[in-house]
Amino acid sequence: MGFAIGMETEKLQEKEICGVPQKVAVDCWFTSTGKMIPRMIKYEDGEGIRHLLKDIEVVKSDKKYYAGVLMYRYDCRAGVDACMREFILRYHPDDNLWDMILPE
């Protein structure tokens, strides 16, 4: 029988987010300390219409592990179709890709 002394807090697993990830293009600002701040998003909806989201407010940002894969998660708000919507942006550093999840 073995005992654990402590937890490995850096690689705790995060449960999967509900919603369908959608690939997006993101304009991102990097501060002098290396912090990433998303500023603008472009995406295409199911009907092929392209949308542009500006004035993104990052409510919270975290470094997360989903099924052992590192991702940067940004809980954001922006004006979508004349109303404020909350959504999740994720950056996948291994693939240099962004996706957006609109909560269901």
PDB file of N, CA and C in Angstrom:
ATOM      1  N   MET A   1       0.852  -1.164   0.000  1.00  0.00           N
ATOM      2  CA  MET A   1       0.000   0.000   0.000  1.00  0.00           C
ATOM      3  C   MET A   1       0.901   1.231   0.000  1.00  0.00           C
ATOM      4  N   GLY A   2       0.545   2.219  -0.811  1.00  0.00           N
ATOM      5  CA  GLY A   2       1.334   3.442  -0.892  1.00  0.00           C
ATOM      6  C   GLY A   2       0.516   4.647  -0.459  1.00  0.00           C
ATOM      7  N   PHE A   3       1.208   5.653  -0.031  1.00  0.00           N
ATOM      8  CA  PHE A   3       0.558   6.887   0.394  1.00  0.00           C
ATOM      9  C   PHE A   3       1.089   8.053  -0.432  1.00  0.00           C
ATOM     10  N   ALA A   4       0.216   8.967  -0.728  1.00  0.00           N
ATOM     11  CA  ALA A   4       0.623  10.158  -1.471  1.00  0.00           C
ATOM     12  C   ALA A   4       0.978  11.262  -0.481  1.00  0.00           C
ATOM     13  N   ILE A   5       2.103  11.884  -0.700  1.00  0.00           N
ATOM     14  CA  ILE A   5       2.543  12.971   0.165  1.00  0.00           C
ATOM     15  C   ILE A   5       1.833  14.269  -0.212  1.00  0.00           C
ATOM     16  N   GLY A   6       1.714  14.510  -1.483  1.00  0.00           N
ATOM     17  CA  GLY A   6       1.083  15.746  -1.953  1.00  0.00           C
ATOM     18  C   GLY A   6       0.518  15.554  -3.344  1.00  0.00           C
ATOM     19  N   MET A   7      -0.175  16.561  -3.810  1.00  0.00           N
ATOM     20  CA  MET A   7      -0.766  16.484  -5.142  1.00  0.00           C
ATOM     21  C   MET A   7       0.105  17.239  -6.134  1.00  0.00           C
ATOM     22  N   GLU A   8       0.119  16.769  -7.334  1.00  0.00           N
ATOM     23  CA  GLU A   8       0.812  17.480  -8.400  1.00  0.00           C
ATOM     24  C   GLU A   8      -0.178  18.504  -8.962  1.00  0.00           C
ATOM     25  N   THR A   9      -0.133  19.703  -8.421  1.00  0.00           N
ATOM     26  CA  THR A   9      -1.149  20.713  -8.735  1.00  0.00           C
ATOM     27  C   THR A   9      -1.012  21.270 -10.142  1.00  0.00           C
ATOM     28  N   GLU A  10       0.158  21.171 -10.768  1.00  0.00           N
ATOM     29  CA  GLU A  10       0.327  21.764 -12.090  1.00  0.00           C
ATOM     30  C   GLU A  10      -0.419  21.021 -13.174  1.00  0.00           C
ATOM     31  N   LYS A  11      -0.654  19.733 -13.010  1.00  0.00           N
ATOM     32  CA  LYS A  11      -1.275  18.957 -14.074  1.00  0.00           C
ATOM     33  C   LYS A  11      -2.608  18.363 -13.649  1.00  0.00           C
ATOM     34  N   LEU A  12      -3.351  19.077 -12.827  1.00  0.00           N
ATOM     35  CA  LEU A  12      -4.683  18.609 -12.475  1.00  0.00           C
ATOM     36  C   LEU A  12      -5.552  18.639 -13.717  1.00  0.00           C
ATOM     37  N   GLN A  13      -6.400  17.632 -13.868  1.00  0.00           N
ATOM     38  CA  GLN A  13      -7.234  17.524 -15.052  1.00  0.00           C
ATOM     39  C   GLN A  13      -8.503  18.362 -14.889  1.00  0.00           C
ATOM     40  N   GLU A  14      -8.892  19.015 -15.942  1.00  0.00           N
ATOM     41  CA  GLU A  14     -10.110  19.820 -15.977  1.00  0.00           C
ATOM     42  C   GLU A  14     -11.160  19.030 -16.743  1.00  0.00           C
ATOM     43  N   LYS A  15     -12.402  19.049 -16.257  1.00  0.00           N
ATOM     44  CA  LYS A  15     -13.429  18.329 -17.000  1.00  0.00           C
ATOM     45  C   LYS A  15     -13.785  19.096 -18.267  1.00  0.00           C
ATOM     46  N   GLU A  16     -14.272  18.371 -19.260  1.00  0.00           N
ATOM     47  CA  GLU A  16     -14.561  18.950 -20.577  1.00  0.00           C
ATOM     48  C   GLU A  16     -15.672  19.979 -20.487  1.00  0.00           C
ATOM     49  N   ILE A  17     -15.578  20.998 -21.310  1.00  0.00           N
ATOM     50  CA  ILE A  17     -16.542  22.085 -21.347  1.00  0.00           C
ATOM     51  C   ILE A  17     -17.717  21.673 -22.220  1.00  0.00           C
ATOM     52  N   CYS A  18     -18.932  21.987 -21.784  1.00  0.00           N
ATOM     53  CA  CYS A  18     -20.123  21.698 -22.581  1.00  0.00           C
ATOM     54  C   CYS A  18     -20.239  22.720 -23.702  1.00  0.00           C
ATOM     55  N   GLY A  19     -20.513  22.263 -24.886  1.00  0.00           N
ATOM     56  CA  GLY A  19     -20.627  23.131 -26.044  1.00  0.00           C
ATOM     57  C   GLY A  19     -19.729  22.625 -27.161  1.00  0.00           C
ATOM     58  N   VAL A  20     -19.961  23.130 -28.357  1.00  0.00           N
ATOM     59  CA  VAL A  20     -19.201  22.693 -29.522  1.00  0.00           C
ATOM     60  C   VAL A  20     -18.099  23.701 -29.813  1.00  0.00           C
ATOM     61  N   PRO A  21     -16.826  23.261 -29.805  1.00  0.00           N
ATOM     62  CA  PRO A  21     -15.736  24.186 -30.132  1.00  0.00           C
ATOM     63  C   PRO A  21     -15.793  24.593 -31.604  1.00  0.00           C
ATOM     64  N   GLN A  22     -15.564  25.858 -31.863  1.00  0.00           N
ATOM     65  CA  GLN A  22     -15.573  26.395 -33.216  1.00  0.00           C
ATOM     66  C   GLN A  22     -14.236  27.080 -33.447  1.00  0.00           C
ATOM     67  N   LYS A  23     -13.567  26.739 -34.546  1.00  0.00           N
ATOM     68  CA  LYS A  23     -12.261  27.349 -34.836  1.00  0.00           C
ATOM     69  C   LYS A  23     -12.445  28.828 -35.146  1.00  0.00           C
ATOM     70  N   VAL A  24     -11.540  29.639 -34.610  1.00  0.00           N
ATOM     71  CA  VAL A  24     -11.609  31.089 -34.792  1.00  0.00           C
ATOM     72  C   VAL A  24     -10.215  31.643 -35.064  1.00  0.00           C
ATOM     73  N   ALA A  25     -10.193  32.843 -35.657  1.00  0.00           N
ATOM     74  CA  ALA A  25      -8.954  33.600 -35.816  1.00  0.00           C
ATOM     75  C   ALA A  25      -8.952  34.670 -34.732  1.00  0.00           C
ATOM     76  N   VAL A  26      -7.841  34.817 -34.028  1.00  0.00           N
ATOM     77  CA  VAL A  26      -7.771  35.745 -32.893  1.00  0.00           C
ATOM     78  C   VAL A  26      -6.605  36.712 -33.078  1.00  0.00           C
ATOM     79  N   ASP A  27      -6.899  37.996 -32.868  1.00  0.00           N
ATOM     80  CA  ASP A  27      -5.862  39.023 -32.792  1.00  0.00           C
ATOM     81  C   ASP A  27      -5.529  39.147 -31.311  1.00  0.00           C
ATOM     82  N   CYS A  28      -4.263  38.919 -30.965  1.00  0.00           N
ATOM     83  CA  CYS A  28      -3.868  38.834 -29.562  1.00  0.00           C
ATOM     84  C   CYS A  28      -2.737  39.811 -29.269  1.00  0.00           C
ATOM     85  N   TRP A  29      -2.809  40.460 -28.124  1.00  0.00           N
ATOM     86  CA  TRP A  29      -1.778  41.381 -27.662  1.00  0.00           C
ATOM     87  C   TRP A  29      -0.922  40.651 -26.636  1.00  0.00           C
ATOM     88  N   PHE A  30       0.389  40.838 -26.713  1.00  0.00           N
ATOM     89  CA  PHE A  30       1.295  40.266 -25.728  1.00  0.00           C
ATOM     90  C   PHE A  30       1.918  41.404 -24.936  1.00  0.00           C
ATOM     91  N   THR A  31       1.819  41.336 -23.616  1.00  0.00           N
ATOM     92  CA  THR A  31       2.410  42.357 -22.760  1.00  0.00           C
ATOM     93  C   THR A  31       3.917  42.137 -22.675  1.00  0.00           C
ATOM     94  N   SER A  32       4.609  43.068 -22.044  1.00  0.00           N
ATOM     95  CA  SER A  32       6.065  42.955 -21.900  1.00  0.00           C
ATOM     96  C   SER A  32       6.462  41.784 -21.011  1.00  0.00           C
ATOM     97  N   THR A  33       5.512  41.282 -20.210  1.00  0.00           N
ATOM     98  CA  THR A  33       5.796  40.131 -19.341  1.00  0.00           C
ATOM     99  C   THR A  33       5.365  38.813 -19.972  1.00  0.00           C
ATOM    100  N   GLY A  34       4.827  38.859 -21.210  1.00  0.00           N
ATOM    101  CA  GLY A  34       4.451  37.639 -21.913  1.00  0.00           C
ATOM    102  C   GLY A  34       3.007  37.222 -21.742  1.00  0.00           C
ATOM    103  N   LYS A  35       2.203  38.036 -21.096  1.00  0.00           N
ATOM    104  CA  LYS A  35       0.784  37.705 -20.906  1.00  0.00           C
ATOM    105  C   LYS A  35       0.030  37.912 -22.219  1.00  0.00           C
ATOM    106  N   MET A  36      -0.815  36.922 -22.609  1.00  0.00           N
ATOM    107  CA  MET A  36      -1.621  37.013 -23.832  1.00  0.00           C
ATOM    108  C   MET A  36      -2.969  37.642 -23.508  1.00  0.00           C
ATOM    109  N   ILE A  37      -3.382  38.611 -24.334  1.00  0.00           N
ATOM    110  CA  ILE A  37      -4.679  39.257 -24.151  1.00  0.00           C
ATOM    111  C   ILE A  37      -5.405  39.261 -25.498  1.00  0.00           C
ATOM    112  N   PRO A  38      -6.447  38.431 -25.660  1.00  0.00           N
ATOM    113  CA  PRO A  38      -7.204  38.440 -26.918  1.00  0.00           C
ATOM    114  C   PRO A  38      -7.915  39.783 -27.109  1.00  0.00           C
ATOM    115  N   ARG A  39      -7.826  40.354 -28.339  1.00  0.00           N
ATOM    116  CA  ARG A  39      -8.434  41.651 -28.599  1.00  0.00           C
ATOM    117  C   ARG A  39      -9.563  41.588 -29.628  1.00  0.00           C
ATOM    118  N   MET A  40      -9.481  40.668 -30.579  1.00  0.00           N
ATOM    119  CA  MET A  40     -10.467  40.603 -31.641  1.00  0.00           C
ATOM    120  C   MET A  40     -10.594  39.158 -32.121  1.00  0.00           C
ATOM    121  N   ILE A  41     -11.815  38.773 -32.524  1.00  0.00           N
ATOM    122  CA  ILE A  41     -12.065  37.412 -32.997  1.00  0.00           C
ATOM    123  C   ILE A  41     -12.814  37.483 -34.318  1.00  0.00           C
ATOM    124  N   LYS A  42     -12.414  36.626 -35.263  1.00  0.00           N
ATOM    125  CA  LYS A  42     -13.154  36.441 -36.505  1.00  0.00           C
ATOM    126  C   LYS A  42     -13.563  34.977 -36.575  1.00  0.00           C
ATOM    127  N   TYR A  43     -14.833  34.746 -36.932  1.00  0.00           N
ATOM    128  CA  TYR A  43     -15.297  33.370 -37.078  1.00  0.00           C
ATOM    129  C   TYR A  43     -16.393  33.315 -38.130  1.00  0.00           C
ATOM    130  N   GLU A  44     -16.650  32.108 -38.597  1.00  0.00           N
ATOM    131  CA  GLU A  44     -17.679  31.874 -39.606  1.00  0.00           C
ATOM    132  C   GLU A  44     -18.754  30.993 -38.984  1.00  0.00           C
ATOM    133  N   ASP A  45     -20.020  31.404 -39.131  1.00  0.00           N
ATOM    134  CA  ASP A  45     -21.109  30.611 -38.550  1.00  0.00           C
ATOM    135  C   ASP A  45     -21.498  29.465 -39.488  1.00  0.00           C
ATOM    136  N   GLY A  46     -22.498  28.691 -39.100  1.00  0.00           N
ATOM    137  CA  GLY A  46     -22.940  27.536 -39.870  1.00  0.00           C
ATOM    138  C   GLY A  46     -23.471  27.880 -41.248  1.00  0.00           C
ATOM    139  N   GLU A  47     -23.904  29.114 -41.448  1.00  0.00           N
ATOM    140  CA  GLU A  47     -24.437  29.549 -42.742  1.00  0.00           C
ATOM    141  C   GLU A  47     -23.361  30.165 -43.627  1.00  0.00           C
ATOM    142  N   GLY A  48     -22.122  30.189 -43.161  1.00  0.00           N
ATOM    143  CA  GLY A  48     -21.026  30.732 -43.943  1.00  0.00           C
ATOM    144  C   GLY A  48     -20.837  32.232 -43.815  1.00  0.00           C
ATOM    145  N   ILE A  49     -21.545  32.858 -42.885  1.00  0.00           N
ATOM    146  CA  ILE A  49     -21.428  34.303 -42.667  1.00  0.00           C
ATOM    147  C   ILE A  49     -20.274  34.558 -41.703  1.00  0.00           C
ATOM    148  N   ARG A  50     -19.390  35.490 -42.074  1.00  0.00           N
ATOM    149  CA  ARG A  50     -18.250  35.823 -41.222  1.00  0.00           C
ATOM    150  C   ARG A  50     -18.639  36.906 -40.228  1.00  0.00           C
ATOM    151  N   HIS A  51     -18.173  36.736 -39.001  1.00  0.00           N
ATOM    152  CA  HIS A  51     -18.459  37.676 -37.918  1.00  0.00           C
ATOM    153  C   HIS A  51     -17.159  38.196 -37.332  1.00  0.00           C
ATOM    154  N   LEU A  52     -17.209  39.399 -36.804  1.00  0.00           N
ATOM    155  CA  LEU A  52     -16.058  40.035 -36.173  1.00  0.00           C
ATOM    156  C   LEU A  52     -16.481  40.513 -34.791  1.00  0.00           C
ATOM    157  N   LEU A  53     -15.762  40.067 -33.761  1.00  0.00           N
ATOM    158  CA  LEU A  53     -16.023  40.500 -32.388  1.00  0.00           C
ATOM    159  C   LEU A  53     -14.875  41.372 -31.931  1.00  0.00           C
ATOM    160  N   LYS A  54     -15.194  42.601 -31.565  1.00  0.00           N
ATOM    161  CA  LYS A  54     -14.189  43.523 -31.028  1.00  0.00           C
ATOM    162  C   LYS A  54     -14.548  43.847 -29.587  1.00  0.00           C
ATOM    163  N   ASP A  55     -13.704  44.597 -28.937  1.00  0.00           N
ATOM    164  CA  ASP A  55     -13.930  45.017 -27.549  1.00  0.00           C
ATOM    165  C   ASP A  55     -14.236  43.823 -26.650  1.00  0.00           C
ATOM    166  N   ILE A  56     -13.363  42.841 -26.703  1.00  0.00           N
ATOM    167  CA  ILE A  56     -13.524  41.636 -25.889  1.00  0.00           C
ATOM    168  C   ILE A  56     -13.071  41.934 -24.469  1.00  0.00           C
ATOM    169  N   GLU A  57     -13.887  41.559 -23.513  1.00  0.00           N
ATOM    170  CA  GLU A  57     -13.530  41.698 -22.103  1.00  0.00           C
ATOM    171  C   GLU A  57     -13.162  40.322 -21.574  1.00  0.00           C
ATOM    172  N   VAL A  58     -11.921  40.157 -21.149  1.00  0.00           N
ATOM    173  CA  VAL A  58     -11.477  38.896 -20.553  1.00  0.00           C
ATOM    174  C   VAL A  58     -11.823  38.949 -19.071  1.00  0.00           C
ATOM    175  N   VAL A  59     -12.747  38.097 -18.662  1.00  0.00           N
ATOM    176  CA  VAL A  59     -13.199  38.053 -17.276  1.00  0.00           C
ATOM    177  C   VAL A  59     -12.211  37.265 -16.423  1.00  0.00           C
ATOM    178  N   LYS A  60     -11.703  36.163 -16.988  1.00  0.00           N
ATOM    179  CA  LYS A  60     -10.811  35.283 -16.240  1.00  0.00           C
ATOM    180  C   LYS A  60      -9.951  34.510 -17.230  1.00  0.00           C
ATOM    181  N   SER A  61      -8.717  34.262 -16.870  1.00  0.00           N
ATOM    182  CA  SER A  61      -7.855  33.435 -17.722  1.00  0.00           C
ATOM    183  C   SER A  61      -7.096  32.440 -16.860  1.00  0.00           C
ATOM    184  N   ASP A  62      -6.947  31.227 -17.390  1.00  0.00           N
ATOM    185  CA  ASP A  62      -6.284  30.149 -16.659  1.00  0.00           C
ATOM    186  C   ASP A  62      -5.496  29.271 -17.616  1.00  0.00           C
ATOM    187  N   LYS A  63      -4.489  28.618 -17.078  1.00  0.00           N
ATOM    188  CA  LYS A  63      -3.754  27.578 -17.783  1.00  0.00           C
ATOM    189  C   LYS A  63      -4.370  26.266 -17.322  1.00  0.00           C
ATOM    190  N   LYS A  64      -4.912  25.470 -18.248  1.00  0.00           N
ATOM    191  CA  LYS A  64      -5.641  24.251 -17.895  1.00  0.00           C
ATOM    192  C   LYS A  64      -5.098  23.044 -18.636  1.00  0.00           C
ATOM    193  N   TYR A  65      -5.398  21.860 -18.123  1.00  0.00           N
ATOM    194  CA  TYR A  65      -5.087  20.601 -18.779  1.00  0.00           C
ATOM    195  C   TYR A  65      -6.385  19.861 -19.031  1.00  0.00           C
ATOM    196  N   TYR A  66      -6.678  19.578 -20.304  1.00  0.00           N
ATOM    197  CA  TYR A  66      -7.847  18.796 -20.698  1.00  0.00           C
ATOM    198  C   TYR A  66      -7.336  17.481 -21.263  1.00  0.00           C
ATOM    199  N   ALA A  67      -7.644  16.384 -20.584  1.00  0.00           N
ATOM    200  CA  ALA A  67      -7.162  15.048 -20.972  1.00  0.00           C
ATOM    201  C   ALA A  67      -5.640  15.051 -21.131  1.00  0.00           C
ATOM    202  N   GLY A  68      -4.957  15.778 -20.264  1.00  0.00           N
ATOM    203  CA  GLY A  68      -3.504  15.830 -20.271  1.00  0.00           C
ATOM    204  C   GLY A  68      -2.895  16.793 -21.268  1.00  0.00           C
ATOM    205  N   VAL A  69      -3.732  17.503 -22.020  1.00  0.00           N
ATOM    206  CA  VAL A  69      -3.246  18.442 -23.038  1.00  0.00           C
ATOM    207  C   VAL A  69      -3.340  19.860 -22.490  1.00  0.00           C
ATOM    208  N   LEU A  70      -2.231  20.606 -22.574  1.00  0.00           N
ATOM    209  CA  LEU A  70      -2.189  21.983 -22.079  1.00  0.00           C
ATOM    210  C   LEU A  70      -2.996  22.906 -22.986  1.00  0.00           C
ATOM    211  N   MET A  71      -3.835  23.747 -22.379  1.00  0.00           N
ATOM    212  CA  MET A  71      -4.576  24.777 -23.094  1.00  0.00           C
ATOM    213  C   MET A  71      -4.674  25.995 -22.198  1.00  0.00           C
ATOM    214  N   TYR A  72      -4.786  27.149 -22.820  1.00  0.00           N
ATOM    215  CA  TYR A  72      -5.030  28.385 -22.099  1.00  0.00           C
ATOM    216  C   TYR A  72      -6.490  28.740 -22.301  1.00  0.00           C
ATOM    217  N   ARG A  73      -7.201  28.917 -21.203  1.00  0.00           N
ATOM    218  CA  ARG A  73      -8.637  29.178 -21.257  1.00  0.00           C
ATOM    219  C   ARG A  73      -8.913  30.628 -20.853  1.00  0.00           C
ATOM    220  N   TYR A  74      -9.752  31.281 -21.650  1.00  0.00           N
ATOM    221  CA  TYR A  74     -10.157  32.663 -21.400  1.00  0.00           C
ATOM    222  C   TYR A  74     -11.674  32.716 -21.333  1.00  0.00           C
ATOM    223  N   ASP A  75     -12.218  33.087 -20.179  1.00  0.00           N
ATOM    224  CA  ASP A  75     -13.653  33.330 -20.051  1.00  0.00           C
ATOM    225  C   ASP A  75     -13.870  34.783 -20.440  1.00  0.00           C
ATOM    226  N   CYS A  76     -14.664  35.011 -21.487  1.00  0.00           N
ATOM    227  CA  CYS A  76     -14.783  36.340 -22.086  1.00  0.00           C
ATOM    228  C   CYS A  76     -16.233  36.789 -22.212  1.00  0.00           C
ATOM    229  N   ARG A  77     -16.377  38.092 -22.481  1.00  0.00           N
ATOM    230  CA  ARG A  77     -17.658  38.722 -22.804  1.00  0.00           C
ATOM    231  C   ARG A  77     -17.427  39.664 -23.971  1.00  0.00           C
ATOM    232  N   ALA A  78     -18.442  39.750 -24.851  1.00  0.00           N
ATOM    233  CA  ALA A  78     -18.379  40.701 -25.966  1.00  0.00           C
ATOM    234  C   ALA A  78     -19.782  40.928 -26.493  1.00  0.00           C
ATOM    235  N   GLY A  79     -19.952  42.022 -27.207  1.00  0.00           N
ATOM    236  CA  GLY A  79     -21.232  42.316 -27.836  1.00  0.00           C
ATOM    237  C   GLY A  79     -21.415  41.472 -29.077  1.00  0.00           C
ATOM    238  N   VAL A  80     -22.431  40.582 -29.057  1.00  0.00           N
ATOM    239  CA  VAL A  80     -22.752  39.720 -30.190  1.00  0.00           C
ATOM    240  C   VAL A  80     -24.203  39.988 -30.564  1.00  0.00           C
ATOM    241  N   ASP A  81     -24.430  40.439 -31.790  1.00  0.00           N
ATOM    242  CA  ASP A  81     -25.793  40.729 -32.257  1.00  0.00           C
ATOM    243  C   ASP A  81     -26.526  41.662 -31.305  1.00  0.00           C
ATOM    244  N   ALA A  82     -25.905  42.745 -30.932  1.00  0.00           N
ATOM    245  CA  ALA A  82     -26.485  43.812 -30.102  1.00  0.00           C
ATOM    246  C   ALA A  82     -26.813  43.382 -28.674  1.00  0.00           C
ATOM    247  N   CYS A  83     -26.221  42.293 -28.193  1.00  0.00           N
ATOM    248  CA  CYS A  83     -26.384  41.931 -26.784  1.00  0.00           C
ATOM    249  C   CYS A  83     -25.067  41.337 -26.273  1.00  0.00           C
ATOM    250  N   MET A  84     -24.852  41.452 -24.964  1.00  0.00           N
ATOM    251  CA  MET A  84     -23.625  40.932 -24.349  1.00  0.00           C
ATOM    252  C   MET A  84     -23.734  39.416 -24.211  1.00  0.00           C
ATOM    253  N   ARG A  85     -22.726  38.693 -24.718  1.00  0.00           N
ATOM    254  CA  ARG A  85     -22.706  37.239 -24.600  1.00  0.00           C
ATOM    255  C   ARG A  85     -21.410  36.809 -23.957  1.00  0.00           C
ATOM    256  N   GLU A  86     -21.513  35.766 -23.173  1.00  0.00           N
ATOM    257  CA  GLU A  86     -20.324  35.176 -22.567  1.00  0.00           C
ATOM    258  C   GLU A  86     -19.903  33.973 -23.394  1.00  0.00           C
ATOM    259  N   PHE A  87     -18.607  33.758 -23.487  1.00  0.00           N
ATOM    260  CA  PHE A  87     -18.089  32.631 -24.243  1.00  0.00           C
ATOM    261  C   PHE A  87     -16.714  32.266 -23.704  1.00  0.00           C
ATOM    262  N   ILE A  88     -16.217  31.139 -24.154  1.00  0.00           N
ATOM    263  CA  ILE A  88     -14.914  30.636 -23.726  1.00  0.00           C
ATOM    264  C   ILE A  88     -14.004  30.582 -24.938  1.00  0.00           C
ATOM    265  N   LEU A  89     -12.824  31.149 -24.802  1.00  0.00           N
ATOM    266  CA  LEU A  89     -11.779  31.051 -25.818  1.00  0.00           C
ATOM    267  C   LEU A  89     -10.706  30.125 -25.281  1.00  0.00           C
ATOM    268  N   ARG A  90     -10.205  29.236 -26.139  1.00  0.00           N
ATOM    269  CA  ARG A  90      -9.112  28.353 -25.729  1.00  0.00           C
ATOM    270  C   ARG A  90      -7.984  28.439 -26.742  1.00  0.00           C
ATOM    271  N   TYR A  91      -6.774  28.547 -26.226  1.00  0.00           N
ATOM    272  CA  TYR A  91      -5.586  28.541 -27.070  1.00  0.00           C
ATOM    273  C   TYR A  91      -4.868  27.215 -26.876  1.00  0.00           C
ATOM    274  N   HIS A  92      -4.559  26.532 -27.988  1.00  0.00           N
ATOM    275  CA  HIS A  92      -3.858  25.253 -27.971  1.00  0.00           C
ATOM    276  C   HIS A  92      -2.408  25.508 -28.393  1.00  0.00           C
ATOM    277  N   PRO A  93      -1.466  25.652 -27.451  1.00  0.00           N
ATOM    278  CA  PRO A  93      -0.091  26.005 -27.809  1.00  0.00           C
ATOM    279  C   PRO A  93       0.629  24.949 -28.647  1.00  0.00           C
ATOM    280  N   ASP A  94       0.273  23.680 -28.507  1.00  0.00           N
ATOM    281  CA  ASP A  94       0.934  22.629 -29.294  1.00  0.00           C
ATOM    282  C   ASP A  94       0.624  22.773 -30.783  1.00  0.00           C
ATOM    283  N   ASP A  95      -0.594  23.254 -31.113  1.00  0.00           N
ATOM    284  CA  ASP A  95      -1.023  23.382 -32.509  1.00  0.00           C
ATOM    285  C   ASP A  95      -1.084  24.833 -32.990  1.00  0.00           C
ATOM    286  N   ASN A  96      -0.877  25.798 -32.081  1.00  0.00           N
ATOM    287  CA  ASN A  96      -1.027  27.222 -32.389  1.00  0.00           C
ATOM    288  C   ASN A  96      -2.396  27.518 -32.959  1.00  0.00           C
ATOM    289  N   LEU A  97      -3.453  26.969 -32.339  1.00  0.00           N
ATOM    290  CA  LEU A  97      -4.828  27.168 -32.781  1.00  0.00           C
ATOM    291  C   LEU A  97      -5.677  27.731 -31.659  1.00  0.00           C
ATOM    292  N   TRP A  98      -6.715  28.474 -32.049  1.00  0.00           N
ATOM    293  CA  TRP A  98      -7.703  29.004 -31.111  1.00  0.00           C
ATOM    294  C   TRP A  98      -9.053  28.383 -31.431  1.00  0.00           C
ATOM    295  N   ASP A  99      -9.870  28.177 -30.398  1.00  0.00           N
ATOM    296  CA  ASP A  99     -11.277  27.848 -30.616  1.00  0.00           C
ATOM    297  C   ASP A  99     -12.140  28.596 -29.630  1.00  0.00           C
ATOM    298  N   MET A 100     -13.411  28.714 -29.976  1.00  0.00           N
ATOM    299  CA  MET A 100     -14.384  29.432 -29.166  1.00  0.00           C
ATOM    300  C   MET A 100     -15.543  28.498 -28.871  1.00  0.00           C
ATOM    301  N   ILE A 101     -16.040  28.556 -27.637  1.00  0.00           N
ATOM    302  CA  ILE A 101     -17.183  27.746 -27.239  1.00  0.00           C
ATOM    303  C   ILE A 101     -18.251  28.684 -26.701  1.00  0.00           C
ATOM    304  N   LEU A 102     -19.401  28.702 -27.371  1.00  0.00           N
ATOM    305  CA  LEU A 102     -20.551  29.454 -26.880  1.00  0.00           C
ATOM    306  C   LEU A 102     -21.374  28.524 -26.012  1.00  0.00           C
ATOM    307  N   PRO A 103     -21.619  28.875 -24.749  1.00  0.00           N
ATOM    308  CA  PRO A 103     -22.379  27.989 -23.862  1.00  0.00           C
ATOM    309  C   PRO A 103     -23.767  27.697 -24.413  1.00  0.00           C
ATOM    310  N   GLU A 104     -24.215  26.480 -24.177  1.00  0.00           N
ATOM    311  CA  GLU A 104     -25.543  26.061 -24.644  1.00  0.00           C
ATOM    312  C   GLU A 104     -26.622  26.463 -23.668  1.00  0.00           C
TER     313      GLU A 104
END
